[in-house]
Amino acid sequence: MHKHIKVKPSESSDPDFLSLPLCPQPSPCEWCRCEPNNEVHCVVSDCAVPECVNPVYEPEQCCPICKNGPNCFAGTTIIPAGIEVKVDDCTICRCHNGDWWKPAQCLRRECLNGQSLS
């Protein structure tokens, strides 16, 4: 069942009001159009793939966001993109440029008992 609102056409000085259906909007991510035959046609927002491994869905937003910016996995550790990160005493990792879904590139230095020799 449609709700109806009364709208006065702006280009007309006619005192009669025009009745238009008020379509349901199931979520902020869906846009619906009500047809005169009572059919409702909806489309869902198309989101770009977020550039992080830990996107967050915020209330009332359609698409996930990367609150901490682009990042990637170095093993089980999430590291920011664009910088080298020391993940342990012997390993430095960096995210692939633009390829957040790939594991980080890591360089392991020679170590003795967890201490870097270089």
PDB file of N, CA and C in Angstrom:
ATOM      1  N   MET A   1       0.835  -1.181   0.000  1.00  0.00           N
ATOM      2  CA  MET A   1       0.000   0.000   0.000  1.00  0.00           C
ATOM      3  C   MET A   1       0.878   1.243   0.000  1.00  0.00           C
ATOM      4  N   HIS A   2       0.548   2.190  -0.843  1.00  0.00           N
ATOM      5  CA  HIS A   2       1.307   3.429  -0.941  1.00  0.00           C
ATOM      6  C   HIS A   2       0.693   4.498  -0.049  1.00  0.00           C
ATOM      7  N   LYS A   3       1.568   5.311   0.489  1.00  0.00           N
ATOM      8  CA  LYS A   3       1.098   6.524   1.143  1.00  0.00           C
ATOM      9  C   LYS A   3       1.019   7.578   0.059  1.00  0.00           C
ATOM     10  N   HIS A   4       0.155   8.523   0.215  1.00  0.00           N
ATOM     11  CA  HIS A   4       0.059   9.592  -0.766  1.00  0.00           C
ATOM     12  C   HIS A   4       0.275  10.931  -0.083  1.00  0.00           C
ATOM     13  N   ILE A   5       0.938  11.800  -0.819  1.00  0.00           N
ATOM     14  CA  ILE A   5       1.107  13.167  -0.347  1.00  0.00           C
ATOM     15  C   ILE A   5       0.445  14.081  -1.359  1.00  0.00           C
ATOM     16  N   LYS A   6       0.035  15.211  -0.924  1.00  0.00           N
ATOM     17  CA  LYS A   6      -0.593  16.181  -1.828  1.00  0.00           C
ATOM     18  C   LYS A   6       0.446  17.221  -2.211  1.00  0.00           C
ATOM     19  N   VAL A   7       0.646  17.353  -3.515  1.00  0.00           N
ATOM     20  CA  VAL A   7       1.639  18.298  -4.022  1.00  0.00           C
ATOM     21  C   VAL A   7       0.954  19.238  -4.982  1.00  0.00           C
ATOM     22  N   LYS A   8       1.180  20.511  -4.788  1.00  0.00           N
ATOM     23  CA  LYS A   8       0.609  21.498  -5.703  1.00  0.00           C
ATOM     24  C   LYS A   8       1.637  21.765  -6.798  1.00  0.00           C
ATOM     25  N   PRO A   9       1.276  21.582  -8.058  1.00  0.00           N
ATOM     26  CA  PRO A   9       2.226  21.851  -9.148  1.00  0.00           C
ATOM     27  C   PRO A   9       2.669  23.312  -9.123  1.00  0.00           C
ATOM     28  N   SER A  10       3.965  23.536  -9.174  1.00  0.00           N
ATOM     29  CA  SER A  10       4.496  24.896  -9.058  1.00  0.00           C
ATOM     30  C   SER A  10       4.178  25.751 -10.284  1.00  0.00           C
ATOM     31  N   GLU A  11       4.052  25.094 -11.468  1.00  0.00           N
ATOM     32  CA  GLU A  11       3.799  25.874 -12.677  1.00  0.00           C
ATOM     33  C   GLU A  11       2.318  26.179 -12.875  1.00  0.00           C
ATOM     34  N   SER A  12       1.504  25.724 -11.961  1.00  0.00           N
ATOM     35  CA  SER A  12       0.067  25.918 -12.119  1.00  0.00           C
ATOM     36  C   SER A  12      -0.485  26.748 -10.965  1.00  0.00           C
ATOM     37  N   SER A  13      -1.414  27.601 -11.305  1.00  0.00           N
ATOM     38  CA  SER A  13      -2.104  28.346 -10.254  1.00  0.00           C
ATOM     39  C   SER A  13      -3.403  27.643  -9.879  1.00  0.00           C
ATOM     40  N   ASP A  14      -3.578  26.447 -10.443  1.00  0.00           N
ATOM     41  CA  ASP A  14      -4.768  25.653 -10.163  1.00  0.00           C
ATOM     42  C   ASP A  14      -4.818  25.305  -8.678  1.00  0.00           C
ATOM     43  N   PRO A  15      -5.889  25.558  -7.997  1.00  0.00           N
ATOM     44  CA  PRO A  15      -5.971  25.255  -6.570  1.00  0.00           C
ATOM     45  C   PRO A  15      -6.070  23.758  -6.280  1.00  0.00           C
ATOM     46  N   ASP A  16      -6.319  22.950  -7.315  1.00  0.00           N
ATOM     47  CA  ASP A  16      -6.375  21.506  -7.081  1.00  0.00           C
ATOM     48  C   ASP A  16      -4.969  20.982  -6.795  1.00  0.00           C
ATOM     49  N   PHE A  17      -4.898  19.996  -5.957  1.00  0.00           N
ATOM     50  CA  PHE A  17      -3.619  19.396  -5.620  1.00  0.00           C
ATOM     51  C   PHE A  17      -3.449  18.086  -6.366  1.00  0.00           C
ATOM     52  N   LEU A  18      -2.211  17.753  -6.643  1.00  0.00           N
ATOM     53  CA  LEU A  18      -1.882  16.516  -7.335  1.00  0.00           C
ATOM     54  C   LEU A  18      -1.472  15.483  -6.293  1.00  0.00           C
ATOM     55  N   SER A  19      -1.995  14.291  -6.383  1.00  0.00           N
ATOM     56  CA  SER A  19      -1.665  13.229  -5.445  1.00  0.00           C
ATOM     57  C   SER A  19      -0.551  12.360  -6.032  1.00  0.00           C
ATOM     58  N   LEU A  20       0.571  12.255  -5.336  1.00  0.00           N
ATOM     59  CA  LEU A  20       1.696  11.444  -5.788  1.00  0.00           C
ATOM     60  C   LEU A  20       1.999  10.364  -4.749  1.00  0.00           C
ATOM     61  N   PRO A  21       2.391   9.155  -5.196  1.00  0.00           N
ATOM     62  CA  PRO A  21       2.728   8.115  -4.225  1.00  0.00           C
ATOM     63  C   PRO A  21       4.050   8.430  -3.524  1.00  0.00           C
ATOM     64  N   LEU A  22       4.116   8.111  -2.244  1.00  0.00           N
ATOM     65  CA  LEU A  22       5.349   8.252  -1.475  1.00  0.00           C
ATOM     66  C   LEU A  22       5.953   6.861  -1.382  1.00  0.00           C
ATOM     67  N   CYS A  23       7.074   6.660  -2.056  1.00  0.00           N
ATOM     68  CA  CYS A  23       7.681   5.334  -2.120  1.00  0.00           C
ATOM     69  C   CYS A  23       8.446   5.005  -0.854  1.00  0.00           C
ATOM     70  N   PRO A  24       8.432   3.733  -0.476  1.00  0.00           N
ATOM     71  CA  PRO A  24       9.239   3.315   0.667  1.00  0.00           C
ATOM     72  C   PRO A  24      10.719   3.347   0.292  1.00  0.00           C
ATOM     73  N   GLN A  25      11.560   3.696   1.218  1.00  0.00           N
ATOM     74  CA  GLN A  25      13.006   3.634   1.028  1.00  0.00           C
ATOM     75  C   GLN A  25      13.522   2.652   2.088  1.00  0.00           C
ATOM     76  N   PRO A  26      13.737   1.372   1.708  1.00  0.00           N
ATOM     77  CA  PRO A  26      14.091   0.338   2.680  1.00  0.00           C
ATOM     78  C   PRO A  26      15.359   0.634   3.474  1.00  0.00           C
ATOM     79  N   SER A  27      16.313   1.329   2.853  1.00  0.00           N
ATOM     80  CA  SER A  27      17.556   1.679   3.538  1.00  0.00           C
ATOM     81  C   SER A  27      18.169   2.875   2.821  1.00  0.00           C
ATOM     82  N   PRO A  28      19.166   3.505   3.441  1.00  0.00           N
ATOM     83  CA  PRO A  28      19.821   4.635   2.769  1.00  0.00           C
ATOM     84  C   PRO A  28      20.559   4.207   1.494  1.00  0.00           C
ATOM     85  N   CYS A  29      20.755   2.905   1.320  1.00  0.00           N
ATOM     86  CA  CYS A  29      21.507   2.392   0.176  1.00  0.00           C
ATOM     87  C   CYS A  29      20.624   1.962  -0.975  1.00  0.00           C
ATOM     88  N   GLU A  30      19.312   2.062  -0.805  1.00  0.00           N
ATOM     89  CA  GLU A  30      18.381   1.653  -1.847  1.00  0.00           C
ATOM     90  C   GLU A  30      17.530   2.838  -2.270  1.00  0.00           C
ATOM     91  N   TRP A  31      17.362   2.958  -3.572  1.00  0.00           N
ATOM     92  CA  TRP A  31      16.500   4.002  -4.117  1.00  0.00           C
ATOM     93  C   TRP A  31      15.360   3.316  -4.836  1.00  0.00           C
ATOM     94  N   CYS A  32      14.156   3.718  -4.488  1.00  0.00           N
ATOM     95  CA  CYS A  32      12.975   3.055  -5.056  1.00  0.00           C
ATOM     96  C   CYS A  32      12.116   4.052  -5.827  1.00  0.00           C
ATOM     97  N   ARG A  33      11.456   3.513  -6.842  1.00  0.00           N
ATOM     98  CA  ARG A  33      10.540   4.306  -7.656  1.00  0.00           C
ATOM     99  C   ARG A  33       9.213   3.554  -7.689  1.00  0.00           C
ATOM    100  N   CYS A  34       8.156   4.248  -7.362  1.00  0.00           N
ATOM    101  CA  CYS A  34       6.829   3.652  -7.401  1.00  0.00           C
ATOM    102  C   CYS A  34       6.183   3.937  -8.749  1.00  0.00           C
ATOM    103  N   GLU A  35       5.680   2.905  -9.365  1.00  0.00           N
ATOM    104  CA  GLU A  35       5.020   3.027 -10.649  1.00  0.00           C
ATOM    105  C   GLU A  35       3.518   3.229 -10.433  1.00  0.00           C
ATOM    106  N   PRO A  36       2.839   3.829 -11.399  1.00  0.00           N
ATOM    107  CA  PRO A  36       1.390   4.029 -11.283  1.00  0.00           C
ATOM    108  C   PRO A  36       0.615   2.724 -11.116  1.00  0.00           C
ATOM    109  N   ASN A  37       1.175   1.601 -11.580  1.00  0.00           N
ATOM    110  CA  ASN A  37       0.487   0.310 -11.456  1.00  0.00           C
ATOM    111  C   ASN A  37       0.773  -0.371 -10.108  1.00  0.00           C
ATOM    112  N   ASN A  38       1.326   0.385  -9.159  1.00  0.00           N
ATOM    113  CA  ASN A  38       1.648  -0.068  -7.797  1.00  0.00           C
ATOM    114  C   ASN A  38       2.884  -0.966  -7.709  1.00  0.00           C
ATOM    115  N   GLU A  39       3.656  -1.084  -8.784  1.00  0.00           N
ATOM    116  CA  GLU A  39       4.924  -1.807  -8.715  1.00  0.00           C
ATOM    117  C   GLU A  39       5.989  -0.875  -8.162  1.00  0.00           C
ATOM    118  N   VAL A  40       6.883  -1.435  -7.368  1.00  0.00           N
ATOM    119  CA  VAL A  40       7.992  -0.668  -6.807  1.00  0.00           C
ATOM    120  C   VAL A  40       9.278  -1.223  -7.408  1.00  0.00           C
ATOM    121  N   HIS A  41      10.091  -0.361  -7.993  1.00  0.00           N
ATOM    122  CA  HIS A  41      11.367  -0.751  -8.578  1.00  0.00           C
ATOM    123  C   HIS A  41      12.477  -0.115  -7.751  1.00  0.00           C
ATOM    124  N   CYS A  42      13.415  -0.943  -7.269  1.00  0.00           N
ATOM    125  CA  CYS A  42      14.497  -0.442  -6.420  1.00  0.00           C
ATOM    126  C   CYS A  42      15.853  -0.808  -7.004  1.00  0.00           C
ATOM    127  N   VAL A  43      16.830   0.037  -6.748  1.00  0.00           N
ATOM    128  CA  VAL A  43      18.221  -0.242  -7.084  1.00  0.00           C
ATOM    129  C   VAL A  43      19.041  -0.071  -5.817  1.00  0.00           C
ATOM    130  N   VAL A  44      20.108  -0.850  -5.729  1.00  0.00           N
ATOM    131  CA  VAL A  44      20.990  -0.804  -4.563  1.00  0.00           C
ATOM    132  C   VAL A  44      22.262  -0.070  -4.958  1.00  0.00           C
ATOM    133  N   SER A  45      22.768   0.727  -4.040  1.00  0.00           N
ATOM    134  CA  SER A  45      23.989   1.491  -4.277  1.00  0.00           C
ATOM    135  C   SER A  45      25.136   0.567  -4.660  1.00  0.00           C
ATOM    136  N   ASP A  46      25.935   1.002  -5.618  1.00  0.00           N
ATOM    137  CA  ASP A  46      27.113   0.256  -6.048  1.00  0.00           C
ATOM    138  C   ASP A  46      28.323   0.887  -5.378  1.00  0.00           C
ATOM    139  N   CYS A  47      29.003   0.126  -4.551  1.00  0.00           N
ATOM    140  CA  CYS A  47      30.141   0.654  -3.787  1.00  0.00           C
ATOM    141  C   CYS A  47      31.466   0.236  -4.408  1.00  0.00           C
ATOM    142  N   ALA A  48      32.411   1.135  -4.372  1.00  0.00           N
ATOM    143  CA  ALA A  48      33.771   0.798  -4.777  1.00  0.00           C
ATOM    144  C   ALA A  48      34.366  -0.119  -3.706  1.00  0.00           C
ATOM    145  N   VAL A  49      35.289  -0.964  -4.117  1.00  0.00           N
ATOM    146  CA  VAL A  49      35.945  -1.849  -3.158  1.00  0.00           C
ATOM    147  C   VAL A  49      36.851  -0.992  -2.271  1.00  0.00           C
ATOM    148  N   PRO A  50      36.715  -1.093  -0.935  1.00  0.00           N
ATOM    149  CA  PRO A  50      37.567  -0.288  -0.055  1.00  0.00           C
ATOM    150  C   PRO A  50      39.025  -0.732  -0.157  1.00  0.00           C
ATOM    151  N   GLU A  51      39.945   0.206   0.034  1.00  0.00           N
ATOM    152  CA  GLU A  51      41.370  -0.079  -0.104  1.00  0.00           C
ATOM    153  C   GLU A  51      41.998  -0.459   1.230  1.00  0.00           C
ATOM    154  N   CYS A  52      41.316  -1.346   1.956  1.00  0.00           N
ATOM    155  CA  CYS A  52      41.856  -1.796   3.232  1.00  0.00           C
ATOM    156  C   CYS A  52      41.333  -3.188   3.531  1.00  0.00           C
ATOM    157  N   VAL A  53      41.987  -3.858   4.476  1.00  0.00           N
ATOM    158  CA  VAL A  53      41.579  -5.208   4.857  1.00  0.00           C
ATOM    159  C   VAL A  53      40.579  -5.202   6.003  1.00  0.00           C
ATOM    160  N   ASN A  54      40.312  -4.039   6.574  1.00  0.00           N
ATOM    161  CA  ASN A  54      39.397  -3.950   7.715  1.00  0.00           C
ATOM    162  C   ASN A  54      38.363  -2.831   7.550  1.00  0.00           C
ATOM    163  N   PRO A  55      37.581  -2.849   6.454  1.00  0.00           N
ATOM    164  CA  PRO A  55      36.585  -1.793   6.268  1.00  0.00           C
ATOM    165  C   PRO A  55      35.506  -1.847   7.344  1.00  0.00           C
ATOM    166  N   VAL A  56      34.902  -0.677   7.593  1.00  0.00           N
ATOM    167  CA  VAL A  56      33.873  -0.546   8.624  1.00  0.00           C
ATOM    168  C   VAL A  56      32.600  -0.029   7.968  1.00  0.00           C
ATOM    169  N   TYR A  57      31.485  -0.583   8.384  1.00  0.00           N
ATOM    170  CA  TYR A  57      30.188  -0.081   7.927  1.00  0.00           C
ATOM    171  C   TYR A  57      29.646   0.851   8.999  1.00  0.00           C
ATOM    172  N   GLU A  58      29.434   2.102   8.626  1.00  0.00           N
ATOM    173  CA  GLU A  58      28.891   3.105   9.538  1.00  0.00           C
ATOM    174  C   GLU A  58      27.374   3.152   9.380  1.00  0.00           C
ATOM    175  N   PRO A  59      26.673   3.408  10.480  1.00  0.00           N
ATOM    176  CA  PRO A  59      25.214   3.534  10.368  1.00  0.00           C
ATOM    177  C   PRO A  59      24.844   4.638   9.376  1.00  0.00           C
ATOM    178  N   GLU A  60      23.813   4.400   8.622  1.00  0.00           N
ATOM    179  CA  GLU A  60      23.276   5.363   7.663  1.00  0.00           C
ATOM    180  C   GLU A  60      24.218   5.658   6.494  1.00  0.00           C
ATOM    181  N   GLN A  61      25.275   4.855   6.309  1.00  0.00           N
ATOM    182  CA  GLN A  61      26.128   5.000   5.125  1.00  0.00           C
ATOM    183  C   GLN A  61      26.012   3.731   4.306  1.00  0.00           C
ATOM    184  N   CYS A  62      26.021   3.874   3.009  1.00  0.00           N
ATOM    185  CA  CYS A  62      25.855   2.720   2.134  1.00  0.00           C
ATOM    186  C   CYS A  62      27.123   1.900   2.004  1.00  0.00           C
ATOM    187  N   CYS A  63      28.217   2.577   1.847  1.00  0.00           N
ATOM    188  CA  CYS A  63      29.451   1.887   1.497  1.00  0.00           C
ATOM    189  C   CYS A  63      30.406   1.816   2.684  1.00  0.00           C
ATOM    190  N   PRO A  64      31.188   0.738   2.738  1.00  0.00           N
ATOM    191  CA  PRO A  64      32.167   0.616   3.811  1.00  0.00           C
ATOM    192  C   PRO A  64      33.279   1.645   3.641  1.00  0.00           C
ATOM    193  N   ILE A  65      33.884   2.040   4.755  1.00  0.00           N
ATOM    194  CA  ILE A  65      34.976   3.021   4.718  1.00  0.00           C
ATOM    195  C   ILE A  65      36.204   2.440   5.424  1.00  0.00           C
ATOM    196  N   CYS A  66      37.354   2.987   5.094  1.00  0.00           N
ATOM    197  CA  CYS A  66      38.612   2.605   5.732  1.00  0.00           C
ATOM    198  C   CYS A  66      38.946   3.692   6.751  1.00  0.00           C
ATOM    199  N   LYS A  67      38.535   3.487   7.997  1.00  0.00           N
ATOM    200  CA  LYS A  67      38.732   4.511   9.036  1.00  0.00           C
ATOM    201  C   LYS A  67      40.194   4.851   9.251  1.00  0.00           C
ATOM    202  N   ASN A  68      41.087   3.859   9.067  1.00  0.00           N
ATOM    203  CA  ASN A  68      42.511   4.098   9.299  1.00  0.00           C
ATOM    204  C   ASN A  68      43.294   4.211   7.999  1.00  0.00           C
ATOM    205  N   GLY A  69      42.586   4.439   6.899  1.00  0.00           N
ATOM    206  CA  GLY A  69      43.241   4.600   5.606  1.00  0.00           C
ATOM    207  C   GLY A  69      43.591   3.264   4.972  1.00  0.00           C
ATOM    208  N   PRO A  70      44.219   3.316   3.801  1.00  0.00           N
ATOM    209  CA  PRO A  70      44.601   2.088   3.108  1.00  0.00           C
ATOM    210  C   PRO A  70      45.574   1.269   3.953  1.00  0.00           C
ATOM    211  N   ASN A  71      45.464  -0.062   3.862  1.00  0.00           N
ATOM    212  CA  ASN A  71      46.351  -0.933   4.622  1.00  0.00           C
ATOM    213  C   ASN A  71      46.373  -2.316   3.990  1.00  0.00           C
ATOM    214  N   CYS A  72      47.162  -3.221   4.579  1.00  0.00           N
ATOM    215  CA  CYS A  72      47.234  -4.608   4.110  1.00  0.00           C
ATOM    216  C   CYS A  72      47.694  -5.484   5.262  1.00  0.00           C
ATOM    217  N   PHE A  73      47.719  -6.797   5.014  1.00  0.00           N
ATOM    218  CA  PHE A  73      48.196  -7.734   6.022  1.00  0.00           C
ATOM    219  C   PHE A  73      49.674  -8.022   5.827  1.00  0.00           C
ATOM    220  N   ALA A  74      50.402  -8.043   6.934  1.00  0.00           N
ATOM    221  CA  ALA A  74      51.762  -8.570   6.992  1.00  0.00           C
ATOM    222  C   ALA A  74      51.652  -9.740   7.968  1.00  0.00           C
ATOM    223  N   GLY A  75      51.440 -10.928   7.417  1.00  0.00           N
ATOM    224  CA  GLY A  75      51.108 -12.069   8.278  1.00  0.00           C
ATOM    225  C   GLY A  75      49.713 -11.851   8.824  1.00  0.00           C
ATOM    226  N   THR A  76      49.586 -11.775  10.141  1.00  0.00           N
ATOM    227  CA  THR A  76      48.290 -11.500  10.767  1.00  0.00           C
ATOM    228  C   THR A  76      48.200 -10.066  11.274  1.00  0.00           C
ATOM    229  N   THR A  77      49.242  -9.273  11.008  1.00  0.00           N
ATOM    230  CA  THR A  77      49.287  -7.880  11.452  1.00  0.00           C
ATOM    231  C   THR A  77      48.811  -6.964  10.331  1.00  0.00           C
ATOM    232  N   ILE A  78      47.955  -6.005  10.664  1.00  0.00           N
ATOM    233  CA  ILE A  78      47.509  -5.011   9.681  1.00  0.00           C
ATOM    234  C   ILE A  78      48.480  -3.844   9.736  1.00  0.00           C
ATOM    235  N   ILE A  79      49.036  -3.483   8.568  1.00  0.00           N
ATOM    236  CA  ILE A  79      49.974  -2.356   8.516  1.00  0.00           C
ATOM    237  C   ILE A  79      49.442  -1.303   7.539  1.00  0.00           C
ATOM    238  N   PRO A  80      49.758  -0.015   7.792  1.00  0.00           N
ATOM    239  CA  PRO A  80      49.307   1.046   6.888  1.00  0.00           C
ATOM    240  C   PRO A  80      50.056   0.986   5.563  1.00  0.00           C
ATOM    241  N   ALA A  81      49.387   1.387   4.503  1.00  0.00           N
ATOM    242  CA  ALA A  81      50.012   1.444   3.182  1.00  0.00           C
ATOM    243  C   ALA A  81      50.900   2.675   3.087  1.00  0.00           C
ATOM    244  N   GLY A  82      51.903   2.591   2.231  1.00  0.00           N
ATOM    245  CA  GLY A  82      52.726   3.755   1.920  1.00  0.00           C
ATOM    246  C   GLY A  82      53.974   3.931   2.759  1.00  0.00           C
ATOM    247  N   ILE A  83      54.144   3.125   3.804  1.00  0.00           N
ATOM    248  CA  ILE A  83      55.349   3.249   4.634  1.00  0.00           C
ATOM    249  C   ILE A  83      55.886   1.858   4.966  1.00  0.00           C
ATOM    250  N   GLU A  84      57.181   1.809   5.285  1.00  0.00           N
ATOM    251  CA  GLU A  84      57.759   0.555   5.757  1.00  0.00           C
ATOM    252  C   GLU A  84      57.466   0.425   7.240  1.00  0.00           C
ATOM    253  N   VAL A  85      57.102  -0.793   7.648  1.00  0.00           N
ATOM    254  CA  VAL A  85      56.746  -1.031   9.042  1.00  0.00           C
ATOM    255  C   VAL A  85      57.584  -2.181   9.576  1.00  0.00           C
ATOM    256  N   LYS A  86      58.197  -1.947  10.717  1.00  0.00           N
ATOM    257  CA  LYS A  86      58.973  -2.990  11.384  1.00  0.00           C
ATOM    258  C   LYS A  86      57.988  -3.860  12.155  1.00  0.00           C
ATOM    259  N   VAL A  87      57.765  -5.105  11.688  1.00  0.00           N
ATOM    260  CA  VAL A  87      56.781  -5.966  12.326  1.00  0.00           C
ATOM    261  C   VAL A  87      57.390  -6.807  13.445  1.00  0.00           C
ATOM    262  N   ASP A  88      58.695  -6.972  13.417  1.00  0.00           N
ATOM    263  CA  ASP A  88      59.423  -7.580  14.536  1.00  0.00           C
ATOM    264  C   ASP A  88      60.867  -7.107  14.426  1.00  0.00           C
ATOM    265  N   ASP A  89      61.730  -7.575  15.305  1.00  0.00           N
ATOM    266  CA  ASP A  89      63.108  -7.078  15.317  1.00  0.00           C
ATOM    267  C   ASP A  89      63.880  -7.383  14.036  1.00  0.00           C
ATOM    268  N   CYS A  90      63.411  -8.356  13.277  1.00  0.00           N
ATOM    269  CA  CYS A  90      64.157  -8.778  12.094  1.00  0.00           C
ATOM    270  C   CYS A  90      63.420  -8.567  10.771  1.00  0.00           C
ATOM    271  N   THR A  91      62.173  -8.085  10.794  1.00  0.00           N
ATOM    272  CA  THR A  91      61.373  -8.024   9.572  1.00  0.00           C
ATOM    273  C   THR A  91      60.763  -6.648   9.357  1.00  0.00           C
ATOM    274  N   ILE A  92      60.948  -6.136   8.134  1.00  0.00           N
ATOM    275  CA  ILE A  92      60.335  -4.869   7.723  1.00  0.00           C
ATOM    276  C   ILE A  92      59.413  -5.179   6.553  1.00  0.00           C
ATOM    277  N   CYS A  93      58.181  -4.669   6.605  1.00  0.00           N
ATOM    278  CA  CYS A  93      57.186  -4.949   5.564  1.00  0.00           C
ATOM    279  C   CYS A  93      56.624  -3.659   4.984  1.00  0.00           C
ATOM    280  N   ARG A  94      56.119  -3.791   3.769  1.00  0.00           N
ATOM    281  CA  ARG A  94      55.489  -2.670   3.066  1.00  0.00           C
ATOM    282  C   ARG A  94      54.350  -3.224   2.206  1.00  0.00           C
ATOM    283  N   CYS A  95      53.195  -2.529   2.202  1.00  0.00           N
ATOM    284  CA  CYS A  95      52.073  -2.926   1.351  1.00  0.00           C
ATOM    285  C   CYS A  95      52.434  -2.700  -0.108  1.00  0.00           C
ATOM    286  N   HIS A  96      51.891  -3.551  -0.993  1.00  0.00           N
ATOM    287  CA  HIS A  96      52.048  -3.347  -2.435  1.00  0.00           C
ATOM    288  C   HIS A  96      51.311  -2.059  -2.805  1.00  0.00           C
ATOM    289  N   ASN A  97      51.866  -1.269  -3.691  1.00  0.00           N
ATOM    290  CA  ASN A  97      51.205  -0.032  -4.115  1.00  0.00           C
ATOM    291  C   ASN A  97      49.898  -0.347  -4.827  1.00  0.00           C
ATOM    292  N   GLY A  98      48.778   0.085  -4.245  1.00  0.00           N
ATOM    293  CA  GLY A  98      47.466  -0.077  -4.859  1.00  0.00           C
ATOM    294  C   GLY A  98      46.899  -1.479  -4.805  1.00  0.00           C
ATOM    295  N   ASP A  99      47.646  -2.436  -4.307  1.00  0.00           N
ATOM    296  CA  ASP A  99      47.175  -3.823  -4.247  1.00  0.00           C
ATOM    297  C   ASP A  99      47.026  -4.264  -2.804  1.00  0.00           C
ATOM    298  N   TRP A 100      46.100  -3.629  -2.084  1.00  0.00           N
ATOM    299  CA  TRP A 100      45.933  -3.887  -0.653  1.00  0.00           C
ATOM    300  C   TRP A 100      45.553  -5.324  -0.357  1.00  0.00           C
ATOM    301  N   TRP A 101      44.933  -6.012  -1.338  1.00  0.00           N
ATOM    302  CA  TRP A 101      44.470  -7.381  -1.103  1.00  0.00           C
ATOM    303  C   TRP A 101      45.624  -8.380  -1.106  1.00  0.00           C
ATOM    304  N   LYS A 102      46.784  -7.972  -1.615  1.00  0.00           N
ATOM    305  CA  LYS A 102      47.954  -8.859  -1.604  1.00  0.00           C
ATOM    306  C   LYS A 102      48.643  -8.737  -0.252  1.00  0.00           C
ATOM    307  N   PRO A 103      49.232  -9.820   0.226  1.00  0.00           N
ATOM    308  CA  PRO A 103      50.015  -9.705   1.471  1.00  0.00           C
ATOM    309  C   PRO A 103      51.178  -8.739   1.267  1.00  0.00           C
ATOM    310  N   ALA A 104      51.601  -8.120   2.348  1.00  0.00           N
ATOM    311  CA  ALA A 104      52.706  -7.157   2.280  1.00  0.00           C
ATOM    312  C   ALA A 104      53.986  -7.833   1.782  1.00  0.00           C
ATOM    313  N   GLN A 105      54.851  -7.020   1.182  1.00  0.00           N
ATOM    314  CA  GLN A 105      56.181  -7.482   0.819  1.00  0.00           C
ATOM    315  C   GLN A 105      57.039  -7.305   2.061  1.00  0.00           C
ATOM    316  N   CYS A 106      57.698  -8.356   2.486  1.00  0.00           N
ATOM    317  CA  CYS A 106      58.497  -8.280   3.706  1.00  0.00           C
ATOM    318  C   CYS A 106      59.938  -8.654   3.416  1.00  0.00           C
ATOM    319  N   LEU A 107      60.832  -7.971   4.091  1.00  0.00           N
ATOM    320  CA  LEU A 107      62.262  -8.234   3.988  1.00  0.00           C
ATOM    321  C   LEU A 107      62.728  -8.671   5.367  1.00  0.00           C
ATOM    322  N   ARG A 108      63.214  -9.897   5.435  1.00  0.00           N
ATOM    323  CA  ARG A 108      63.699 -10.420   6.706  1.00  0.00           C
ATOM    324  C   ARG A 108      65.217 -10.317   6.714  1.00  0.00           C
ATOM    325  N   ARG A 109      65.720  -9.643   7.697  1.00  0.00           N
ATOM    326  CA  ARG A 109      67.170  -9.485   7.835  1.00  0.00           C
ATOM    327  C   ARG A 109      67.742 -10.646   8.648  1.00  0.00           C
ATOM    328  N   GLU A 110      69.024 -10.838   8.506  1.00  0.00           N
ATOM    329  CA  GLU A 110      69.660 -11.895   9.298  1.00  0.00           C
ATOM    330  C   GLU A 110      69.594 -11.506  10.758  1.00  0.00           C
ATOM    331  N   CYS A 111      69.213 -12.462  11.572  1.00  0.00           N
ATOM    332  CA  CYS A 111      69.048 -12.189  12.991  1.00  0.00           C
ATOM    333  C   CYS A 111      69.708 -13.283  13.813  1.00  0.00           C
ATOM    334  N   LEU A 112      70.071 -12.925  15.023  1.00  0.00           N
ATOM    335  CA  LEU A 112      70.599 -13.866  15.997  1.00  0.00           C
ATOM    336  C   LEU A 112      69.805 -13.635  17.266  1.00  0.00           C
ATOM    337  N   ASN A 113      69.044 -14.625  17.678  1.00  0.00           N
ATOM    338  CA  ASN A 113      68.196 -14.519  18.883  1.00  0.00           C
ATOM    339  C   ASN A 113      67.259 -13.301  18.815  1.00  0.00           C
ATOM    340  N   GLY A 114      66.688 -13.083  17.643  1.00  0.00           N
ATOM    341  CA  GLY A 114      65.717 -12.000  17.516  1.00  0.00           C
ATOM    342  C   GLY A 114      66.324 -10.616  17.356  1.00  0.00           C
ATOM    343  N   GLN A 115      67.640 -10.502  17.313  1.00  0.00           N
ATOM    344  CA  GLN A 115      68.288  -9.202  17.157  1.00  0.00           C
ATOM    345  C   GLN A 115      68.893  -9.106  15.751  1.00  0.00           C
ATOM    346  N   SER A 116      68.636  -8.002  15.079  1.00  0.00           N
ATOM    347  CA  SER A 116      69.141  -7.811  13.725  1.00  0.00           C
ATOM    348  C   SER A 116      70.657  -7.709  13.738  1.00  0.00           C
ATOM    349  N   LEU A 117      71.305  -8.357  12.749  1.00  0.00           N
ATOM    350  CA  LEU A 117      72.760  -8.284  12.629  1.00  0.00           C
ATOM    351  C   LEU A 117      73.195  -7.123  11.764  1.00  0.00           C
ATOM    352  N   SER A 118      72.251  -6.467  11.079  1.00  0.00           N
ATOM    353  CA  SER A 118      72.639  -5.371  10.193  1.00  0.00           C
ATOM    354  C   SER A 118      72.389  -4.025  10.808  1.00  0.00           C
TER     355      SER A 118
END
